[in-house]
Amino acid sequence: MYSAAINITSDGTHLVVPGVPGRKIRVVNYCFTSSDTANTVQFFSNITALTGVMHVVKGVPIAIAAGQLFPSGALMLFQGAVGEPIRITTTTNSGVIGGHLVYILAD
């Protein structure tokens, strides 16, 4: 398993996990919170949406986990396409969105 930090200070699309040739990135959990009052977050596999738009409330963390991870990596929240990065698109309204994401690589 691998972990990536989420530390976003501006609006736009941000790289969280770089793509790995021939592999899929399977996200097994993530957690983030916002320092501003009205932010949104959405996960993408390069430019393909993996989640809907999530509205984040200042100081209230969003923490999501797939459950116990088996060696096969059978449990996951979502996965990117082969070789594609995981990105987050945000509106930060001048605040900071911070947290982490845990993932595995699959064939």
C-alpha atoms as a PDB file:
ATOM      1  CA  MET A   1       0.000   0.000   0.000  1.00  0.00           C
ATOM      2  CA  TYR A   2       1.060   3.542  -0.683  1.00  0.00           C
ATOM      3  CA  SER A   3       0.034   6.906   0.712  1.00  0.00           C
ATOM      4  CA  ALA A   4      -0.165  10.319  -0.920  1.00  0.00           C
ATOM      5  CA  ALA A   5      -0.538  13.677   0.812  1.00  0.00           C
ATOM      6  CA  ILE A   6      -3.341  16.052  -0.152  1.00  0.00           C
ATOM      7  CA  ASN A   7      -2.318  19.691   0.319  1.00  0.00           C
ATOM      8  CA  ILE A   8      -4.226  22.032  -1.973  1.00  0.00           C
ATOM      9  CA  THR A   9      -4.137  25.823  -1.714  1.00  0.00           C
ATOM     10  CA  SER A  10      -5.710  26.951  -4.986  1.00  0.00           C
ATOM     11  CA  ASP A  11      -8.662  26.256  -7.259  1.00  0.00           C
ATOM     12  CA  GLY A  12      -8.177  23.863 -10.149  1.00  0.00           C
ATOM     13  CA  THR A  13      -7.066  20.339 -10.932  1.00  0.00           C
ATOM     14  CA  HIS A  14      -4.214  18.878  -8.894  1.00  0.00           C
ATOM     15  CA  LEU A  15      -2.118  15.724  -9.299  1.00  0.00           C
ATOM     16  CA  VAL A  16      -2.354  13.458  -6.250  1.00  0.00           C
ATOM     17  CA  VAL A  17      -0.891  10.168  -7.529  1.00  0.00           C
ATOM     18  CA  PRO A  18       1.123  10.008 -10.774  1.00  0.00           C
ATOM     19  CA  GLY A  19       0.111   7.349 -13.293  1.00  0.00           C
ATOM     20  CA  VAL A  20       2.165   4.141 -13.439  1.00  0.00           C
ATOM     21  CA  PRO A  21       2.567   2.549 -16.893  1.00  0.00           C
ATOM     22  CA  GLY A  22       0.637  -0.729 -17.139  1.00  0.00           C
ATOM     23  CA  ARG A  23      -0.939  -0.380 -13.667  1.00  0.00           C
ATOM     24  CA  LYS A  24      -4.238   0.833 -12.218  1.00  0.00           C
ATOM     25  CA  ILE A  25      -4.339   2.967  -9.077  1.00  0.00           C
ATOM     26  CA  ARG A  26      -6.940   1.596  -6.660  1.00  0.00           C
ATOM     27  CA  VAL A  27      -7.930   4.026  -3.930  1.00  0.00           C
ATOM     28  CA  VAL A  28      -8.763   2.226  -0.681  1.00  0.00           C
ATOM     29  CA  ASN A  29      -9.297   5.210   1.615  1.00  0.00           C
ATOM     30  CA  TYR A  30      -9.011   8.944   1.841  1.00  0.00           C
ATOM     31  CA  CYS A  31      -9.471  11.711   4.355  1.00  0.00           C
ATOM     32  CA  PHE A  32      -9.494  15.470   3.913  1.00  0.00           C
ATOM     33  CA  THR A  33     -10.730  18.620   5.546  1.00  0.00           C
ATOM     34  CA  SER A  34     -10.977  22.278   4.593  1.00  0.00           C
ATOM     35  CA  SER A  35      -9.926  25.523   6.241  1.00  0.00           C
ATOM     36  CA  ASP A  36     -12.524  27.523   4.299  1.00  0.00           C
ATOM     37  CA  THR A  37     -16.303  27.660   4.476  1.00  0.00           C
ATOM     38  CA  ALA A  38     -17.366  26.546   0.998  1.00  0.00           C
ATOM     39  CA  ASN A  39     -15.201  24.117  -0.937  1.00  0.00           C
ATOM     40  CA  THR A  40     -15.800  21.275  -3.347  1.00  0.00           C
ATOM     41  CA  VAL A  41     -13.658  18.235  -4.165  1.00  0.00           C
ATOM     42  CA  GLN A  42     -13.955  15.699  -6.980  1.00  0.00           C
ATOM     43  CA  PHE A  43     -11.631  12.790  -7.866  1.00  0.00           C
ATOM     44  CA  PHE A  44     -10.613  12.003 -11.453  1.00  0.00           C
ATOM     45  CA  SER A  45      -8.685   9.352 -13.384  1.00  0.00           C
ATOM     46  CA  ASN A  46      -6.815  11.868 -15.525  1.00  0.00           C
ATOM     47  CA  ILE A  47      -9.921  13.647 -16.945  1.00  0.00           C
ATOM     48  CA  THR A  48     -12.614  10.993 -16.247  1.00  0.00           C
ATOM     49  CA  ALA A  49     -14.676  11.634 -13.101  1.00  0.00           C
ATOM     50  CA  LEU A  50     -14.399   8.879 -10.473  1.00  0.00           C
ATOM     51  CA  THR A  51     -16.663  10.556  -7.909  1.00  0.00           C
ATOM     52  CA  GLY A  52     -19.314  13.187  -7.833  1.00  0.00           C
ATOM     53  CA  VAL A  53     -18.643  16.663  -6.499  1.00  0.00           C
ATOM     54  CA  MET A  54     -18.304  16.588  -2.694  1.00  0.00           C
ATOM     55  CA  HIS A  55     -19.082  19.719  -0.709  1.00  0.00           C
ATOM     56  CA  VAL A  56     -16.705  20.211   2.205  1.00  0.00           C
ATOM     57  CA  VAL A  57     -17.644  22.137   5.343  1.00  0.00           C
ATOM     58  CA  LYS A  58     -14.932  24.098   7.149  1.00  0.00           C
ATOM     59  CA  GLY A  59     -13.225  21.976   9.811  1.00  0.00           C
ATOM     60  CA  VAL A  60     -15.413  18.882   9.251  1.00  0.00           C
ATOM     61  CA  PRO A  61     -13.294  16.010   7.910  1.00  0.00           C
ATOM     62  CA  ILE A  62     -14.458  13.619   5.224  1.00  0.00           C
ATOM     63  CA  ALA A  63     -12.973  10.180   5.918  1.00  0.00           C
ATOM     64  CA  ILE A  64     -13.922   7.231   3.728  1.00  0.00           C
ATOM     65  CA  ALA A  65     -12.517   3.686   3.835  1.00  0.00           C
ATOM     66  CA  ALA A  66     -13.293   0.540   1.849  1.00  0.00           C
ATOM     67  CA  GLY A  67     -12.915  -1.760   4.869  1.00  0.00           C
ATOM     68  CA  GLN A  68     -10.273  -4.400   5.455  1.00  0.00           C
ATOM     69  CA  LEU A  69      -7.959  -4.742   2.484  1.00  0.00           C
ATOM     70  CA  PHE A  70      -7.229  -8.278   1.332  1.00  0.00           C
ATOM     71  CA  PRO A  71      -3.929  -9.142  -0.405  1.00  0.00           C
ATOM     72  CA  SER A  72      -5.765  -9.332  -3.738  1.00  0.00           C
ATOM     73  CA  GLY A  73      -6.816  -5.710  -3.352  1.00  0.00           C
ATOM     74  CA  ALA A  74     -10.443  -6.740  -3.831  1.00  0.00           C
ATOM     75  CA  LEU A  75     -11.809  -3.905  -1.699  1.00  0.00           C
ATOM     76  CA  MET A  76     -11.484  -0.396  -3.046  1.00  0.00           C
ATOM     77  CA  LEU A  77     -13.453   2.822  -3.309  1.00  0.00           C
ATOM     78  CA  PHE A  78     -12.586   3.491  -6.946  1.00  0.00           C
ATOM     79  CA  GLN A  79      -9.795   2.940  -9.446  1.00  0.00           C
ATOM     80  CA  GLY A  80      -8.216   4.818 -12.284  1.00  0.00           C
ATOM     81  CA  ALA A  81      -7.704   3.548 -15.806  1.00  0.00           C
ATOM     82  CA  VAL A  82      -4.478   1.737 -16.695  1.00  0.00           C
ATOM     83  CA  GLY A  83      -1.538   4.137 -16.604  1.00  0.00           C
ATOM     84  CA  GLU A  84      -3.619   7.184 -15.628  1.00  0.00           C
ATOM     85  CA  PRO A  85      -2.965   9.475 -12.644  1.00  0.00           C
ATOM     86  CA  ILE A  86      -5.404  10.263  -9.854  1.00  0.00           C
ATOM     87  CA  ARG A  87      -6.267  13.953  -9.760  1.00  0.00           C
ATOM     88  CA  ILE A  88      -8.473  16.147  -7.574  1.00  0.00           C
ATOM     89  CA  THR A  89     -10.385  19.144  -8.864  1.00  0.00           C
ATOM     90  CA  THR A  90     -11.250  21.701  -6.194  1.00  0.00           C
ATOM     91  CA  THR A  91     -12.745  25.065  -5.488  1.00  0.00           C
ATOM     92  CA  THR A  92     -10.928  26.327  -2.425  1.00  0.00           C
ATOM     93  CA  ASN A  93     -12.201  29.883  -2.044  1.00  0.00           C
ATOM     94  CA  SER A  94      -8.726  30.848  -0.757  1.00  0.00           C
ATOM     95  CA  GLY A  95      -8.644  28.137   1.924  1.00  0.00           C
ATOM     96  CA  VAL A  96      -6.568  24.976   2.198  1.00  0.00           C
ATOM     97  CA  ILE A  97      -7.745  21.407   1.633  1.00  0.00           C
ATOM     98  CA  GLY A  98      -5.484  18.925   3.372  1.00  0.00           C
ATOM     99  CA  GLY A  99      -5.455  15.207   4.057  1.00  0.00           C
ATOM    100  CA  HIS A 100      -4.233  11.939   2.599  1.00  0.00           C
ATOM    101  CA  LEU A 101      -5.148   9.133   0.224  1.00  0.00           C
ATOM    102  CA  VAL A 102      -4.133   5.462   0.505  1.00  0.00           C
ATOM    103  CA  TYR A 103      -3.908   3.302  -2.617  1.00  0.00           C
ATOM    104  CA  ILE A 104      -2.577   0.098  -4.115  1.00  0.00           C
ATOM    105  CA  LEU A 105      -1.343  -0.657  -7.624  1.00  0.00           C
ATOM    106  CA  ALA A 106      -3.090  -3.376  -9.655  1.00  0.00           C
ATOM    107  CA  ASP A 107      -2.528  -4.979 -13.049  1.00  0.00           C
END
